[in-house]
Amino acid sequence: MTYPYQRQVPPPHAAQSGMRIDLVQGTPFGVAYPLVQGTPSGPAIGSLVAGIVSVFVGLTVSCLGLAGAAEGWGPVAGGAFTVLAVFLGLGAIGLGVFGIRQVRRSGRLVTGRGMAVTGVVLGSVGAGIGVLSLLAAFVFAAAV
């Protein structure tokens, strides 16, 4: 049975309103699906923030460690900040891996894979800068 008011194509305003409409075959009805934007992943944001802070703390280690190497307090002050840089870096890596998994498993509902990957990279770099700066401070303190 064919209805005189049956539509075979979705109305033109549906594409502009952010809705997807699938027509039900054999009926004049359709099913409307609102298009939902993905929400950013919280662990991915946390990973990015922790990675950025880890890099800044690692650079602080290099400043403190090398500046105070001549007086002898550089490795001690640098060591305290190295622990912080490594903990922040490991936290950024852990949150980033969790964020990547969360984005992958959710389909398109959760976004933020780029933030998570950037957090993992920055966390690794920050922890590496902190450890290398501490080793440099010990070498310069022993040389002076």
N, C-alpha and C. Protein backbone atom coordinates (compact mmCIF):
# COMPACT_ATOMS: atom_id res chain seq x y z
N MET A 1 0.84 -1.17 0.00
CA MET A 1 0.00 0.00 0.00
C MET A 1 0.89 1.24 0.00
N THR A 2 0.62 2.16 -0.84
CA THR A 2 1.40 3.38 -0.95
C THR A 2 0.56 4.55 -0.45
N TYR A 3 1.21 5.34 0.38
CA TYR A 3 0.53 6.52 0.92
C TYR A 3 0.84 7.72 0.03
N PRO A 4 -0.11 8.60 -0.17
CA PRO A 4 0.17 9.75 -1.03
C PRO A 4 1.16 10.74 -0.41
N TYR A 5 1.30 10.73 0.89
CA TYR A 5 2.20 11.69 1.55
C TYR A 5 3.52 11.05 1.96
N GLN A 6 3.80 9.86 1.46
CA GLN A 6 5.03 9.17 1.82
C GLN A 6 6.24 9.84 1.18
N ARG A 7 7.28 10.06 1.98
CA ARG A 7 8.52 10.68 1.50
C ARG A 7 9.59 9.62 1.37
N GLN A 8 10.37 9.73 0.34
CA GLN A 8 11.46 8.80 0.13
C GLN A 8 12.82 9.41 0.48
N VAL A 9 12.88 10.72 0.65
CA VAL A 9 14.12 11.39 1.01
C VAL A 9 13.87 12.19 2.28
N PRO A 10 14.89 12.33 3.10
CA PRO A 10 14.70 13.13 4.31
C PRO A 10 14.47 14.59 3.96
N PRO A 11 13.79 15.30 4.82
CA PRO A 11 13.56 16.72 4.55
C PRO A 11 14.88 17.49 4.51
N PRO A 12 14.96 18.56 3.73
CA PRO A 12 16.24 19.27 3.58
C PRO A 12 16.72 19.94 4.86
N HIS A 13 15.82 20.30 5.76
CA HIS A 13 16.25 20.96 6.99
C HIS A 13 16.87 20.00 7.99
N ALA A 14 16.75 18.69 7.76
CA ALA A 14 17.32 17.71 8.69
C ALA A 14 18.83 17.76 8.68
N ALA A 15 19.44 17.99 7.52
CA ALA A 15 20.90 18.05 7.46
C ALA A 15 21.42 19.30 8.15
N GLN A 16 20.67 20.36 8.12
CA GLN A 16 21.10 21.60 8.76
C GLN A 16 20.88 21.57 10.26
N SER A 17 19.93 20.79 10.73
CA SER A 17 19.61 20.80 12.16
C SER A 17 20.49 19.85 12.97
N GLY A 18 21.35 19.12 12.32
CA GLY A 18 22.21 18.20 13.06
C GLY A 18 21.52 16.89 13.38
N MET A 19 20.62 16.45 12.52
CA MET A 19 19.89 15.21 12.74
C MET A 19 20.11 14.29 11.54
N ARG A 20 20.18 13.01 11.82
CA ARG A 20 20.20 12.01 10.76
C ARG A 20 18.85 11.33 10.78
N ILE A 21 18.21 11.21 9.64
CA ILE A 21 16.88 10.60 9.57
C ILE A 21 16.96 9.40 8.65
N ASP A 22 16.59 8.25 9.19
CA ASP A 22 16.49 7.02 8.39
C ASP A 22 15.02 6.70 8.21
N LEU A 23 14.61 6.54 6.96
CA LEU A 23 13.21 6.23 6.68
C LEU A 23 12.94 4.76 6.93
N VAL A 24 11.76 4.47 7.48
CA VAL A 24 11.33 3.10 7.70
C VAL A 24 10.61 2.66 6.43
N GLN A 25 11.11 1.59 5.80
CA GLN A 25 10.56 1.15 4.52
C GLN A 25 9.11 0.73 4.66
N GLY A 26 8.32 1.15 3.71
CA GLY A 26 6.91 0.75 3.67
C GLY A 26 6.01 1.60 4.55
N THR A 27 6.55 2.58 5.23
CA THR A 27 5.73 3.45 6.09
C THR A 27 6.09 4.90 5.79
N PRO A 28 5.22 5.81 6.20
CA PRO A 28 5.57 7.22 6.01
C PRO A 28 6.41 7.78 7.15
N PHE A 29 6.94 6.90 7.98
CA PHE A 29 7.65 7.34 9.18
C PHE A 29 9.16 7.21 9.01
N GLY A 30 9.85 7.91 9.85
CA GLY A 30 11.30 7.83 9.86
C GLY A 30 11.80 7.84 11.29
N VAL A 31 13.06 7.45 11.45
CA VAL A 31 13.69 7.46 12.77
C VAL A 31 14.75 8.55 12.74
N ALA A 32 14.67 9.48 13.70
CA ALA A 32 15.60 10.59 13.76
C ALA A 32 16.67 10.31 14.81
N TYR A 33 17.93 10.51 14.43
CA TYR A 33 19.05 10.34 15.33
C TYR A 33 19.75 11.70 15.47
N PRO A 34 19.74 12.28 16.66
CA PRO A 34 20.49 13.54 16.81
C PRO A 34 21.99 13.26 16.79
N LEU A 35 22.72 14.10 16.11
CA LEU A 35 24.17 13.96 16.04
C LEU A 35 24.78 14.57 17.30
N VAL A 36 25.48 13.76 18.06
CA VAL A 36 26.04 14.19 19.34
C VAL A 36 27.54 14.41 19.17
N GLN A 37 28.01 15.54 19.66
CA GLN A 37 29.44 15.81 19.63
C GLN A 37 30.14 14.97 20.69
N GLY A 38 31.35 14.54 20.40
CA GLY A 38 32.12 13.77 21.36
C GLY A 38 32.61 14.65 22.51
N THR A 39 32.69 14.08 23.68
CA THR A 39 33.20 14.81 24.84
C THR A 39 34.68 14.52 25.00
N PRO A 40 35.47 15.49 25.40
CA PRO A 40 36.90 15.23 25.58
C PRO A 40 37.16 14.31 26.76
N SER A 41 38.15 13.48 26.61
CA SER A 41 38.51 12.51 27.64
C SER A 41 39.22 13.22 28.80
N GLY A 42 38.74 12.98 30.00
CA GLY A 42 39.37 13.56 31.19
C GLY A 42 40.79 13.08 31.41
N PRO A 43 41.05 11.76 31.31
CA PRO A 43 42.44 11.30 31.45
C PRO A 43 43.37 11.86 30.38
N ALA A 44 42.86 12.11 29.17
CA ALA A 44 43.71 12.68 28.13
C ALA A 44 44.09 14.12 28.49
N ILE A 45 43.14 14.88 29.02
CA ILE A 45 43.44 16.25 29.44
C ILE A 45 44.43 16.23 30.60
N GLY A 46 44.20 15.34 31.57
CA GLY A 46 45.12 15.22 32.70
C GLY A 46 46.52 14.82 32.27
N SER A 47 46.60 13.95 31.28
CA SER A 47 47.90 13.53 30.76
C SER A 47 48.63 14.69 30.12
N LEU A 48 47.91 15.49 29.36
CA LEU A 48 48.54 16.65 28.72
C LEU A 48 49.04 17.65 29.76
N VAL A 49 48.24 17.93 30.76
CA VAL A 49 48.64 18.88 31.80
C VAL A 49 49.84 18.35 32.58
N ALA A 50 49.80 17.07 32.98
CA ALA A 50 50.91 16.49 33.73
C ALA A 50 52.18 16.44 32.89
N GLY A 51 52.06 16.19 31.59
CA GLY A 51 53.23 16.18 30.72
C GLY A 51 53.86 17.55 30.58
N ILE A 52 53.03 18.58 30.45
CA ILE A 52 53.56 19.95 30.34
C ILE A 52 54.27 20.34 31.63
N VAL A 53 53.65 20.04 32.77
CA VAL A 53 54.27 20.38 34.06
C VAL A 53 55.55 19.59 34.26
N SER A 54 55.58 18.34 33.81
CA SER A 54 56.78 17.52 33.93
C SER A 54 57.94 18.13 33.14
N VAL A 55 57.67 18.65 31.97
CA VAL A 55 58.73 19.29 31.18
C VAL A 55 59.24 20.54 31.91
N PHE A 56 58.33 21.35 32.44
CA PHE A 56 58.76 22.56 33.16
C PHE A 56 59.56 22.21 34.41
N VAL A 57 59.16 21.18 35.13
CA VAL A 57 59.91 20.78 36.33
C VAL A 57 61.26 20.21 35.92
N GLY A 58 61.31 19.47 34.82
CA GLY A 58 62.59 18.95 34.32
C GLY A 58 63.54 20.07 33.94
N LEU A 59 63.02 21.13 33.34
CA LEU A 59 63.87 22.28 33.02
C LEU A 59 64.30 23.01 34.28
N THR A 60 63.46 23.01 35.31
CA THR A 60 63.84 23.60 36.59
C THR A 60 64.99 22.81 37.21
N VAL A 61 64.96 21.49 37.07
CA VAL A 61 66.06 20.66 37.56
C VAL A 61 67.35 21.05 36.88
N SER A 62 67.29 21.27 35.57
CA SER A 62 68.52 21.65 34.87
C SER A 62 69.03 23.01 35.34
N CYS A 63 68.11 23.94 35.60
CA CYS A 63 68.55 25.26 36.07
C CYS A 63 69.15 25.18 37.48
N LEU A 64 68.45 24.51 38.38
CA LEU A 64 68.94 24.42 39.76
C LEU A 64 70.20 23.56 39.85
N GLY A 65 70.19 22.44 39.16
CA GLY A 65 71.32 21.52 39.26
C GLY A 65 72.60 22.09 38.72
N LEU A 66 72.52 22.75 37.59
CA LEU A 66 73.74 23.27 36.98
C LEU A 66 74.17 24.60 37.62
N ALA A 67 73.21 25.40 38.08
CA ALA A 67 73.57 26.67 38.71
C ALA A 67 74.21 26.45 40.07
N GLY A 68 73.75 25.46 40.81
CA GLY A 68 74.29 25.23 42.14
C GLY A 68 75.37 24.17 42.20
N ALA A 69 75.85 23.71 41.04
CA ALA A 69 76.87 22.66 41.03
C ALA A 69 78.18 23.16 41.62
N ALA A 70 78.49 24.42 41.42
CA ALA A 70 79.75 24.96 41.94
C ALA A 70 79.74 25.07 43.46
N GLU A 71 78.58 25.38 44.03
CA GLU A 71 78.49 25.52 45.48
C GLU A 71 78.24 24.19 46.19
N GLY A 72 77.83 23.17 45.46
CA GLY A 72 77.62 21.86 46.05
C GLY A 72 76.17 21.54 46.37
N TRP A 73 75.28 22.52 46.33
CA TRP A 73 73.87 22.24 46.63
C TRP A 73 73.06 21.92 45.38
N GLY A 74 73.64 21.98 44.22
CA GLY A 74 72.93 21.73 42.97
C GLY A 74 72.35 20.33 42.85
N PRO A 75 73.15 19.28 43.09
CA PRO A 75 72.59 17.94 42.98
C PRO A 75 71.50 17.65 44.02
N VAL A 76 71.61 18.24 45.21
CA VAL A 76 70.59 18.01 46.24
C VAL A 76 69.28 18.66 45.84
N ALA A 77 69.34 19.93 45.43
CA ALA A 77 68.12 20.63 45.02
C ALA A 77 67.56 20.02 43.74
N GLY A 78 68.44 19.67 42.83
CA GLY A 78 67.99 19.04 41.59
C GLY A 78 67.37 17.68 41.81
N GLY A 79 67.89 16.94 42.79
CA GLY A 79 67.35 15.62 43.08
C GLY A 79 65.92 15.68 43.59
N ALA A 80 65.61 16.68 44.41
CA ALA A 80 64.25 16.81 44.91
C ALA A 80 63.28 17.09 43.77
N PHE A 81 63.69 17.95 42.85
CA PHE A 81 62.80 18.25 41.72
C PHE A 81 62.80 17.13 40.68
N THR A 82 63.88 16.34 40.63
CA THR A 82 63.89 15.21 39.71
C THR A 82 62.84 14.18 40.09
N VAL A 83 62.68 13.95 41.39
CA VAL A 83 61.65 13.02 41.85
C VAL A 83 60.28 13.51 41.40
N LEU A 84 60.02 14.80 41.54
CA LEU A 84 58.74 15.36 41.10
C LEU A 84 58.57 15.24 39.60
N ALA A 85 59.62 15.53 38.84
CA ALA A 85 59.52 15.43 37.38
C ALA A 85 59.26 14.00 36.92
N VAL A 86 59.90 13.04 37.57
CA VAL A 86 59.69 11.64 37.19
C VAL A 86 58.28 11.18 37.56
N PHE A 87 57.80 11.55 38.74
CA PHE A 87 56.44 11.17 39.13
C PHE A 87 55.40 11.80 38.21
N LEU A 88 55.59 13.07 37.86
CA LEU A 88 54.67 13.70 36.93
C LEU A 88 54.74 13.07 35.55
N GLY A 89 55.94 12.72 35.11
CA GLY A 89 56.10 12.07 33.82
C GLY A 89 55.44 10.70 33.79
N LEU A 90 55.62 9.92 34.85
CA LEU A 90 54.97 8.60 34.91
C LEU A 90 53.46 8.73 34.98
N GLY A 91 52.99 9.73 35.71
CA GLY A 91 51.54 9.97 35.76
C GLY A 91 50.99 10.36 34.41
N ALA A 92 51.73 11.20 33.68
CA ALA A 92 51.30 11.60 32.35
C ALA A 92 51.26 10.40 31.40
N ILE A 93 52.25 9.52 31.52
CA ILE A 93 52.27 8.33 30.66
C ILE A 93 51.09 7.42 30.99
N GLY A 94 50.85 7.18 32.27
CA GLY A 94 49.74 6.31 32.67
C GLY A 94 48.39 6.87 32.25
N LEU A 95 48.17 8.16 32.51
CA LEU A 95 46.90 8.78 32.12
C LEU A 95 46.75 8.80 30.60
N GLY A 96 47.85 9.02 29.89
CA GLY A 96 47.79 9.03 28.43
C GLY A 96 47.42 7.68 27.85
N VAL A 97 48.00 6.63 28.38
CA VAL A 97 47.67 5.28 27.90
C VAL A 97 46.20 4.96 28.20
N PHE A 98 45.75 5.33 29.39
CA PHE A 98 44.34 5.11 29.75
C PHE A 98 43.42 5.94 28.85
N GLY A 99 43.82 7.18 28.56
CA GLY A 99 43.01 8.03 27.68
C GLY A 99 42.94 7.50 26.26
N ILE A 100 44.05 6.97 25.75
CA ILE A 100 44.05 6.39 24.41
C ILE A 100 43.11 5.19 24.35
N ARG A 101 43.16 4.36 25.36
CA ARG A 101 42.25 3.20 25.41
C ARG A 101 40.79 3.63 25.50
N GLN A 102 40.54 4.67 26.31
CA GLN A 102 39.17 5.15 26.47
C GLN A 102 38.62 5.69 25.15
N VAL A 103 39.43 6.42 24.42
CA VAL A 103 39.00 6.97 23.14
C VAL A 103 38.77 5.85 22.14
N ARG A 104 39.66 4.88 22.11
CA ARG A 104 39.53 3.77 21.15
C ARG A 104 38.28 2.94 21.42
N ARG A 105 37.97 2.68 22.67
CA ARG A 105 36.84 1.82 23.01
C ARG A 105 35.49 2.52 22.88
N SER A 106 35.46 3.84 22.92
CA SER A 106 34.18 4.54 22.93
C SER A 106 33.63 4.82 21.54
N GLY A 107 34.41 4.60 20.52
CA GLY A 107 33.95 4.95 19.18
C GLY A 107 34.14 6.44 18.97
N ARG A 108 33.03 7.16 18.77
CA ARG A 108 33.12 8.61 18.55
C ARG A 108 32.53 9.40 19.71
N LEU A 109 32.19 8.75 20.78
CA LEU A 109 31.58 9.46 21.91
C LEU A 109 32.60 10.22 22.73
N VAL A 110 33.84 9.73 22.80
CA VAL A 110 34.89 10.39 23.57
C VAL A 110 36.02 10.73 22.60
N THR A 111 36.51 11.97 22.69
CA THR A 111 37.59 12.43 21.83
C THR A 111 38.81 12.77 22.69
N GLY A 112 39.91 13.06 22.06
CA GLY A 112 41.09 13.49 22.80
C GLY A 112 42.30 12.59 22.63
N ARG A 113 42.34 11.81 21.57
CA ARG A 113 43.48 10.92 21.36
C ARG A 113 44.76 11.72 21.18
N GLY A 114 44.69 12.84 20.48
CA GLY A 114 45.87 13.67 20.27
C GLY A 114 46.42 14.24 21.57
N MET A 115 45.51 14.64 22.46
CA MET A 115 45.96 15.14 23.77
C MET A 115 46.63 14.05 24.56
N ALA A 116 46.08 12.82 24.49
CA ALA A 116 46.66 11.71 25.24
C ALA A 116 48.05 11.35 24.71
N VAL A 117 48.20 11.31 23.40
CA VAL A 117 49.51 10.99 22.81
C VAL A 117 50.52 12.08 23.15
N THR A 118 50.08 13.33 23.07
CA THR A 118 50.97 14.44 23.42
C THR A 118 51.38 14.37 24.89
N GLY A 119 50.45 13.99 25.77
CA GLY A 119 50.77 13.84 27.18
C GLY A 119 51.78 12.74 27.43
N VAL A 120 51.66 11.63 26.71
CA VAL A 120 52.63 10.54 26.85
C VAL A 120 54.01 10.99 26.41
N VAL A 121 54.07 11.69 25.29
CA VAL A 121 55.37 12.15 24.77
C VAL A 121 55.98 13.18 25.72
N LEU A 122 55.18 14.17 26.15
CA LEU A 122 55.72 15.20 27.04
C LEU A 122 56.11 14.63 28.40
N GLY A 123 55.35 13.66 28.90
CA GLY A 123 55.72 13.01 30.16
C GLY A 123 57.05 12.28 30.06
N SER A 124 57.26 11.61 28.95
CA SER A 124 58.53 10.91 28.74
C SER A 124 59.69 11.90 28.62
N VAL A 125 59.45 12.96 27.87
CA VAL A 125 60.50 13.97 27.68
C VAL A 125 60.81 14.67 29.00
N GLY A 126 59.77 15.02 29.77
CA GLY A 126 59.99 15.70 31.05
C GLY A 126 60.76 14.85 32.04
N ALA A 127 60.40 13.57 32.14
CA ALA A 127 61.13 12.67 33.05
C ALA A 127 62.57 12.49 32.57
N GLY A 128 62.74 12.38 31.26
CA GLY A 128 64.10 12.23 30.72
C GLY A 128 64.95 13.46 30.95
N ILE A 129 64.38 14.65 30.76
CA ILE A 129 65.12 15.89 31.01
C ILE A 129 65.52 15.98 32.48
N GLY A 130 64.61 15.62 33.37
CA GLY A 130 64.92 15.68 34.80
C GLY A 130 66.06 14.75 35.19
N VAL A 131 66.02 13.52 34.71
CA VAL A 131 67.06 12.55 35.05
C VAL A 131 68.40 12.95 34.43
N LEU A 132 68.39 13.35 33.17
CA LEU A 132 69.64 13.75 32.53
C LEU A 132 70.23 15.01 33.16
N SER A 133 69.38 15.94 33.56
CA SER A 133 69.87 17.15 34.21
C SER A 133 70.48 16.85 35.57
N LEU A 134 69.88 15.90 36.29
CA LEU A 134 70.45 15.50 37.58
C LEU A 134 71.81 14.84 37.40
N LEU A 135 71.92 13.98 36.39
CA LEU A 135 73.22 13.36 36.13
C LEU A 135 74.25 14.40 35.73
N ALA A 136 73.85 15.39 34.94
CA ALA A 136 74.77 16.47 34.57
C ALA A 136 75.20 17.27 35.78
N ALA A 137 74.26 17.49 36.72
CA ALA A 137 74.61 18.24 37.94
C ALA A 137 75.63 17.46 38.77
N PHE A 138 75.49 16.15 38.87
CA PHE A 138 76.46 15.34 39.60
C PHE A 138 77.82 15.37 38.91
N VAL A 139 77.83 15.31 37.59
CA VAL A 139 79.11 15.36 36.87
C VAL A 139 79.80 16.71 37.05
N PHE A 140 79.05 17.80 36.95
CA PHE A 140 79.65 19.12 37.12
C PHE A 140 80.07 19.37 38.57
N ALA A 141 79.33 18.83 39.54
CA ALA A 141 79.71 19.00 40.94
C ALA A 141 80.98 18.23 41.25
N ALA A 142 81.15 17.06 40.63
CA ALA A 142 82.36 16.27 40.86
C ALA A 142 83.57 16.91 40.16
N ALA A 143 83.32 17.59 39.04
CA ALA A 143 84.41 18.21 38.29
C ALA A 143 84.90 19.49 38.97
N VAL A 144 84.03 20.13 39.72
CA VAL A 144 84.41 21.41 40.35
C VAL A 144 84.99 21.17 41.66
